Amino acid sequence: MKLQPDKSDVQTLTAHGPGWVAINNEKVDGSVVVGSRGERFAWDCQRFEDLGPAHFEKLVDLGAELIIFGSGGKIRFPKPMWLTGLMARRTGVETMDTGAACRTYNILAAEGRHVVAALIVEPQADDSG
């Protein structure tokens, strides 16, 4: 799906599809963390089932006011104990599927909010079966 955000000086998620997202029109094949203040790094999980507390601990020191967690193709919630570091810093966490997370991130980033999207980008399913 092609997304058309208003012109913004922050990183935007310009498109997404099965197995990829695009950050400022650059295609990224894999889970990623992207933030409105230039944060960007690979997130070492291919599926929701790969997640653990260490994945969310990597987000604590980013200082975002809100983490948007894109849980993949369907909405799945992280275990509350995985979020204790974020809660201690009073960082909000919203969970949604990855497509919705991309759209929500763009809106909040364009408003000037310090927002970070932590996106699970699941590998594209192999249809040769």
N, C-alpha and C. Protein backbone atom coordinates (compact mmCIF):
# COMPACT_ATOMS: atom_id res chain seq x y z
N MET A 1 0.84 -1.17 0.00
CA MET A 1 0.00 0.00 0.00
C MET A 1 0.88 1.24 0.00
N LYS A 2 0.62 2.17 -0.86
CA LYS A 2 1.35 3.44 -0.94
C LYS A 2 0.71 4.43 0.03
N LEU A 3 1.54 5.05 0.87
CA LEU A 3 1.07 6.06 1.80
C LEU A 3 1.48 7.43 1.29
N GLN A 4 0.67 8.43 1.48
CA GLN A 4 0.96 9.78 1.00
C GLN A 4 0.92 10.77 2.16
N PRO A 5 1.99 10.85 2.96
CA PRO A 5 1.97 11.81 4.06
C PRO A 5 2.17 13.24 3.55
N ASP A 6 1.73 14.20 4.38
CA ASP A 6 2.05 15.59 4.08
C ASP A 6 3.56 15.74 4.10
N LYS A 7 4.07 16.77 3.46
CA LYS A 7 5.52 17.03 3.45
C LYS A 7 5.97 17.26 4.89
N SER A 8 7.03 16.55 5.27
CA SER A 8 7.53 16.63 6.63
C SER A 8 9.04 16.50 6.62
N ASP A 9 9.68 17.08 7.61
CA ASP A 9 11.13 16.98 7.72
C ASP A 9 11.58 15.75 8.50
N VAL A 10 10.65 14.99 9.04
CA VAL A 10 11.01 13.80 9.82
C VAL A 10 10.97 12.57 8.92
N GLN A 11 11.61 11.49 9.40
CA GLN A 11 11.53 10.23 8.67
C GLN A 11 10.06 9.82 8.59
N THR A 12 9.65 9.37 7.43
CA THR A 12 8.29 8.88 7.28
C THR A 12 8.30 7.48 6.71
N LEU A 13 7.27 6.76 7.02
CA LEU A 13 7.06 5.42 6.48
C LEU A 13 6.20 5.61 5.24
N THR A 14 6.84 5.56 4.09
CA THR A 14 6.19 5.96 2.84
C THR A 14 5.40 4.85 2.15
N ALA A 15 5.63 3.60 2.52
CA ALA A 15 4.89 2.49 1.94
C ALA A 15 5.15 1.24 2.78
N HIS A 16 4.32 0.24 2.59
CA HIS A 16 4.55 -1.06 3.24
C HIS A 16 3.87 -2.14 2.42
N GLY A 17 4.36 -3.34 2.58
CA GLY A 17 3.78 -4.48 1.90
C GLY A 17 4.26 -5.75 2.58
N PRO A 18 3.86 -6.90 2.07
CA PRO A 18 4.29 -8.16 2.67
C PRO A 18 5.81 -8.29 2.67
N GLY A 19 6.42 -8.34 3.84
CA GLY A 19 7.85 -8.55 3.96
C GLY A 19 8.71 -7.30 3.87
N TRP A 20 8.10 -6.09 3.83
CA TRP A 20 8.90 -4.88 3.71
C TRP A 20 8.13 -3.64 4.18
N VAL A 21 8.90 -2.61 4.51
CA VAL A 21 8.38 -1.26 4.70
C VAL A 21 9.34 -0.32 3.96
N ALA A 22 8.89 0.88 3.68
CA ALA A 22 9.76 1.89 3.06
C ALA A 22 9.85 3.08 3.99
N ILE A 23 11.10 3.48 4.27
CA ILE A 23 11.37 4.65 5.09
C ILE A 23 11.94 5.70 4.16
N ASN A 24 11.22 6.82 4.03
CA ASN A 24 11.62 7.87 3.07
C ASN A 24 11.92 7.27 1.69
N ASN A 25 11.04 6.39 1.25
CA ASN A 25 11.11 5.73 -0.06
C ASN A 25 12.23 4.70 -0.19
N GLU A 26 12.93 4.37 0.90
CA GLU A 26 13.96 3.33 0.87
C GLU A 26 13.36 2.04 1.42
N LYS A 27 13.34 1.02 0.59
CA LYS A 27 12.74 -0.26 0.98
C LYS A 27 13.61 -0.98 2.01
N VAL A 28 12.98 -1.42 3.10
CA VAL A 28 13.66 -2.13 4.17
C VAL A 28 12.98 -3.49 4.32
N ASP A 29 13.78 -4.55 4.18
CA ASP A 29 13.26 -5.92 4.30
C ASP A 29 13.61 -6.47 5.67
N GLY A 30 12.80 -6.21 6.64
CA GLY A 30 13.06 -6.73 7.98
C GLY A 30 12.51 -5.80 9.03
N SER A 31 12.39 -6.34 10.22
CA SER A 31 11.86 -5.57 11.33
C SER A 31 12.79 -4.40 11.63
N VAL A 32 12.18 -3.28 12.02
CA VAL A 32 12.94 -2.05 12.16
C VAL A 32 12.33 -1.16 13.24
N VAL A 33 13.18 -0.35 13.84
CA VAL A 33 12.75 0.71 14.74
C VAL A 33 13.08 2.02 14.05
N VAL A 34 12.09 2.90 13.94
CA VAL A 34 12.27 4.19 13.29
C VAL A 34 11.62 5.26 14.15
N GLY A 35 12.30 6.40 14.28
CA GLY A 35 11.79 7.46 15.14
C GLY A 35 11.76 8.81 14.47
N SER A 36 10.94 9.68 15.03
CA SER A 36 10.74 11.02 14.48
C SER A 36 11.94 11.93 14.70
N ARG A 37 12.89 11.52 15.52
CA ARG A 37 14.10 12.32 15.74
C ARG A 37 15.33 11.66 15.11
N GLY A 38 15.09 10.85 14.10
CA GLY A 38 16.19 10.25 13.35
C GLY A 38 16.61 8.86 13.79
N GLU A 39 15.99 8.34 14.82
CA GLU A 39 16.34 6.99 15.27
C GLU A 39 16.00 5.99 14.16
N ARG A 40 16.91 5.05 13.95
CA ARG A 40 16.64 3.98 12.98
C ARG A 40 17.66 2.88 13.18
N PHE A 41 17.14 1.68 13.46
CA PHE A 41 18.01 0.52 13.56
C PHE A 41 17.19 -0.74 13.35
N ALA A 42 17.88 -1.80 12.92
CA ALA A 42 17.23 -3.10 12.73
C ALA A 42 16.77 -3.62 14.08
N TRP A 43 15.63 -4.27 14.08
CA TRP A 43 15.07 -4.87 15.29
C TRP A 43 15.12 -6.37 15.08
N ASP A 44 15.89 -7.07 15.85
CA ASP A 44 16.21 -8.48 15.57
C ASP A 44 15.08 -9.45 15.93
N CYS A 45 13.97 -9.33 15.22
CA CYS A 45 12.87 -10.29 15.36
C CYS A 45 12.14 -10.36 14.02
N GLN A 46 11.90 -11.56 13.57
CA GLN A 46 11.19 -11.73 12.30
C GLN A 46 9.70 -12.00 12.50
N ARG A 47 9.36 -12.51 13.68
CA ARG A 47 7.97 -12.86 13.96
C ARG A 47 7.65 -12.43 15.39
N PHE A 48 6.39 -12.29 15.68
CA PHE A 48 5.96 -11.94 17.03
C PHE A 48 6.51 -12.94 18.05
N GLU A 49 6.55 -14.20 17.67
CA GLU A 49 7.01 -15.25 18.57
C GLU A 49 8.48 -15.11 18.94
N ASP A 50 9.24 -14.32 18.20
CA ASP A 50 10.66 -14.09 18.50
C ASP A 50 10.87 -13.06 19.61
N LEU A 51 9.84 -12.32 19.96
CA LEU A 51 9.97 -11.21 20.90
C LEU A 51 10.20 -11.66 22.34
N GLY A 52 10.89 -10.81 23.07
CA GLY A 52 11.09 -11.00 24.50
C GLY A 52 11.36 -9.65 25.13
N PRO A 53 11.60 -9.62 26.43
CA PRO A 53 11.80 -8.34 27.12
C PRO A 53 12.98 -7.53 26.59
N ALA A 54 14.02 -8.19 26.12
CA ALA A 54 15.21 -7.47 25.62
C ALA A 54 14.87 -6.59 24.43
N HIS A 55 13.92 -6.99 23.60
CA HIS A 55 13.54 -6.19 22.45
C HIS A 55 12.97 -4.83 22.89
N PHE A 56 12.18 -4.84 23.95
CA PHE A 56 11.57 -3.60 24.42
C PHE A 56 12.54 -2.79 25.27
N GLU A 57 13.50 -3.45 25.91
CA GLU A 57 14.52 -2.72 26.67
C GLU A 57 15.36 -1.84 25.75
N LYS A 58 15.54 -2.26 24.49
CA LYS A 58 16.30 -1.46 23.53
C LYS A 58 15.61 -0.13 23.23
N LEU A 59 14.34 -0.02 23.57
CA LEU A 59 13.57 1.18 23.26
C LEU A 59 13.54 2.18 24.42
N VAL A 60 13.90 1.73 25.60
CA VAL A 60 13.76 2.55 26.81
C VAL A 60 14.55 3.84 26.72
N ASP A 61 15.80 3.78 26.33
CA ASP A 61 16.67 4.95 26.36
C ASP A 61 16.47 5.90 25.18
N LEU A 62 15.52 5.60 24.29
CA LEU A 62 15.25 6.50 23.17
C LEU A 62 14.54 7.78 23.63
N GLY A 63 13.90 7.73 24.79
CA GLY A 63 13.27 8.92 25.33
C GLY A 63 12.02 9.37 24.61
N ALA A 64 11.40 8.49 23.85
CA ALA A 64 10.19 8.85 23.11
C ALA A 64 9.02 9.05 24.08
N GLU A 65 8.08 9.89 23.68
CA GLU A 65 6.87 10.01 24.49
C GLU A 65 5.91 8.85 24.21
N LEU A 66 6.05 8.23 23.02
CA LEU A 66 5.16 7.13 22.65
C LEU A 66 5.90 6.15 21.76
N ILE A 67 5.74 4.87 22.06
CA ILE A 67 6.22 3.78 21.21
C ILE A 67 4.99 3.19 20.53
N ILE A 68 5.02 3.13 19.21
CA ILE A 68 3.97 2.46 18.47
C ILE A 68 4.52 1.11 18.06
N PHE A 69 3.95 0.06 18.60
CA PHE A 69 4.41 -1.30 18.35
C PHE A 69 3.56 -1.91 17.25
N GLY A 70 4.19 -2.18 16.10
CA GLY A 70 3.53 -2.86 15.00
C GLY A 70 3.80 -4.34 15.10
N SER A 71 2.78 -5.11 15.43
CA SER A 71 2.95 -6.53 15.80
C SER A 71 2.93 -7.50 14.62
N GLY A 72 3.04 -6.98 13.40
CA GLY A 72 3.02 -7.86 12.23
C GLY A 72 1.70 -7.74 11.50
N GLY A 73 1.32 -8.80 10.81
CA GLY A 73 0.11 -8.79 10.00
C GLY A 73 -1.19 -8.76 10.78
N LYS A 74 -1.13 -9.14 12.03
CA LYS A 74 -2.33 -9.07 12.88
C LYS A 74 -1.93 -8.51 14.24
N ILE A 75 -2.90 -7.99 14.95
CA ILE A 75 -2.62 -7.37 16.23
C ILE A 75 -2.41 -8.45 17.30
N ARG A 76 -1.28 -8.33 18.00
CA ARG A 76 -0.94 -9.22 19.11
C ARG A 76 -0.23 -8.35 20.14
N PHE A 77 -0.56 -8.55 21.40
CA PHE A 77 -0.06 -7.68 22.45
C PHE A 77 1.15 -8.27 23.15
N PRO A 78 2.16 -7.42 23.43
CA PRO A 78 3.32 -7.91 24.19
C PRO A 78 2.92 -8.19 25.63
N LYS A 79 3.66 -9.07 26.28
CA LYS A 79 3.40 -9.36 27.68
C LYS A 79 3.69 -8.10 28.50
N PRO A 80 2.84 -7.75 29.45
CA PRO A 80 3.06 -6.54 30.24
C PRO A 80 4.43 -6.49 30.91
N MET A 81 4.96 -7.63 31.34
CA MET A 81 6.26 -7.61 32.01
C MET A 81 7.39 -7.19 31.07
N TRP A 82 7.19 -7.31 29.75
CA TRP A 82 8.19 -6.87 28.78
C TRP A 82 8.28 -5.34 28.72
N LEU A 83 7.26 -4.67 29.21
CA LEU A 83 7.15 -3.22 29.08
C LEU A 83 7.51 -2.46 30.36
N THR A 84 7.99 -3.15 31.37
CA THR A 84 8.22 -2.50 32.66
C THR A 84 9.22 -1.34 32.57
N GLY A 85 10.28 -1.49 31.78
CA GLY A 85 11.25 -0.40 31.63
C GLY A 85 10.63 0.83 30.99
N LEU A 86 9.78 0.62 29.99
CA LEU A 86 9.10 1.73 29.34
C LEU A 86 8.11 2.39 30.29
N MET A 87 7.38 1.57 31.04
CA MET A 87 6.42 2.12 32.00
C MET A 87 7.13 2.93 33.08
N ALA A 88 8.29 2.47 33.52
CA ALA A 88 9.05 3.19 34.54
C ALA A 88 9.48 4.57 34.04
N ARG A 89 9.70 4.70 32.75
CA ARG A 89 10.09 5.99 32.13
C ARG A 89 8.86 6.79 31.71
N ARG A 90 7.68 6.26 31.98
CA ARG A 90 6.42 6.91 31.62
C ARG A 90 6.29 7.09 30.10
N THR A 91 6.77 6.08 29.38
CA THR A 91 6.67 6.06 27.92
C THR A 91 5.43 5.26 27.54
N GLY A 92 4.54 5.86 26.79
CA GLY A 92 3.35 5.16 26.35
C GLY A 92 3.67 4.13 25.28
N VAL A 93 2.89 3.07 25.25
CA VAL A 93 3.04 2.03 24.22
C VAL A 93 1.66 1.74 23.66
N GLU A 94 1.54 1.85 22.35
CA GLU A 94 0.30 1.50 21.65
C GLU A 94 0.61 0.35 20.71
N THR A 95 -0.25 -0.65 20.71
CA THR A 95 -0.06 -1.83 19.88
C THR A 95 -1.10 -1.86 18.78
N MET A 96 -0.65 -2.16 17.57
CA MET A 96 -1.53 -2.31 16.42
C MET A 96 -0.82 -3.15 15.37
N ASP A 97 -1.53 -3.56 14.32
CA ASP A 97 -0.83 -4.29 13.27
C ASP A 97 0.16 -3.34 12.59
N THR A 98 1.13 -3.88 11.88
CA THR A 98 2.22 -3.07 11.35
C THR A 98 1.73 -2.01 10.36
N GLY A 99 0.77 -2.32 9.51
CA GLY A 99 0.25 -1.32 8.58
C GLY A 99 -0.36 -0.13 9.30
N ALA A 100 -1.17 -0.39 10.30
CA ALA A 100 -1.78 0.70 11.09
C ALA A 100 -0.70 1.47 11.85
N ALA A 101 0.33 0.76 12.33
CA ALA A 101 1.42 1.42 13.04
C ALA A 101 2.16 2.39 12.13
N CYS A 102 2.37 2.02 10.87
CA CYS A 102 3.02 2.92 9.91
C CYS A 102 2.21 4.20 9.74
N ARG A 103 0.93 4.06 9.53
CA ARG A 103 0.06 5.23 9.31
C ARG A 103 0.01 6.11 10.55
N THR A 104 -0.13 5.51 11.72
CA THR A 104 -0.22 6.27 12.96
C THR A 104 1.09 7.00 13.26
N TYR A 105 2.21 6.32 13.04
CA TYR A 105 3.52 6.95 13.23
C TYR A 105 3.62 8.22 12.38
N ASN A 106 3.25 8.13 11.11
CA ASN A 106 3.36 9.29 10.21
C ASN A 106 2.56 10.48 10.71
N ILE A 107 1.35 10.23 11.18
CA ILE A 107 0.50 11.32 11.67
C ILE A 107 1.13 11.99 12.87
N LEU A 108 1.56 11.19 13.85
CA LEU A 108 2.12 11.75 15.08
C LEU A 108 3.47 12.42 14.84
N ALA A 109 4.30 11.83 13.99
CA ALA A 109 5.60 12.44 13.68
C ALA A 109 5.41 13.77 12.98
N ALA A 110 4.45 13.86 12.06
CA ALA A 110 4.19 15.11 11.35
C ALA A 110 3.68 16.20 12.29
N GLU A 111 3.07 15.80 13.41
CA GLU A 111 2.61 16.76 14.42
C GLU A 111 3.75 17.27 15.29
N GLY A 112 4.95 16.71 15.09
CA GLY A 112 6.09 17.15 15.88
C GLY A 112 6.28 16.38 17.18
N ARG A 113 5.57 15.29 17.34
CA ARG A 113 5.70 14.47 18.55
C ARG A 113 6.96 13.62 18.46
N HIS A 114 7.57 13.31 19.61
CA HIS A 114 8.71 12.38 19.62
C HIS A 114 8.14 10.98 19.74
N VAL A 115 7.97 10.35 18.61
CA VAL A 115 7.34 9.04 18.51
C VAL A 115 8.32 8.07 17.85
N VAL A 116 8.24 6.83 18.29
CA VAL A 116 9.08 5.76 17.73
C VAL A 116 8.16 4.61 17.32
N ALA A 117 8.37 4.10 16.11
CA ALA A 117 7.64 2.92 15.64
C ALA A 117 8.58 1.72 15.71
N ALA A 118 8.19 0.71 16.46
CA ALA A 118 8.92 -0.56 16.53
C ALA A 118 8.09 -1.57 15.74
N LEU A 119 8.57 -1.92 14.56
CA LEU A 119 7.76 -2.65 13.60
C LEU A 119 8.28 -4.06 13.34
N ILE A 120 7.41 -5.03 13.55
CA ILE A 120 7.73 -6.38 13.10
C ILE A 120 7.34 -6.46 11.63
N VAL A 121 8.33 -6.73 10.80
CA VAL A 121 8.10 -6.91 9.36
C VAL A 121 8.35 -8.38 9.09
N GLU A 122 7.26 -9.12 9.01
CA GLU A 122 7.35 -10.56 8.84
C GLU A 122 7.83 -10.90 7.43
N PRO A 123 8.63 -11.95 7.30
CA PRO A 123 9.08 -12.35 5.97
C PRO A 123 7.88 -12.68 5.09
N GLN A 124 7.99 -12.37 3.82
CA GLN A 124 6.91 -12.67 2.89
C GLN A 124 6.71 -14.18 2.82
N ALA A 125 5.46 -14.58 2.85
CA ALA A 125 5.14 -16.01 2.79
C ALA A 125 5.57 -16.58 1.44
N ASP A 126 6.12 -17.76 1.46
CA ASP A 126 6.52 -18.45 0.23
C ASP A 126 5.31 -19.14 -0.36
N ASP A 127 4.89 -18.72 -1.54
CA ASP A 127 3.69 -19.28 -2.17
C ASP A 127 3.98 -20.52 -3.00
N SER A 128 5.22 -20.97 -3.01
CA SER A 128 5.58 -22.13 -3.83
C SER A 128 5.41 -23.41 -3.01
N GLY A 129 4.23 -23.83 -2.83
CA GLY A 129 4.10 -24.92 -1.93
C GLY A 129 3.39 -26.07 -2.36
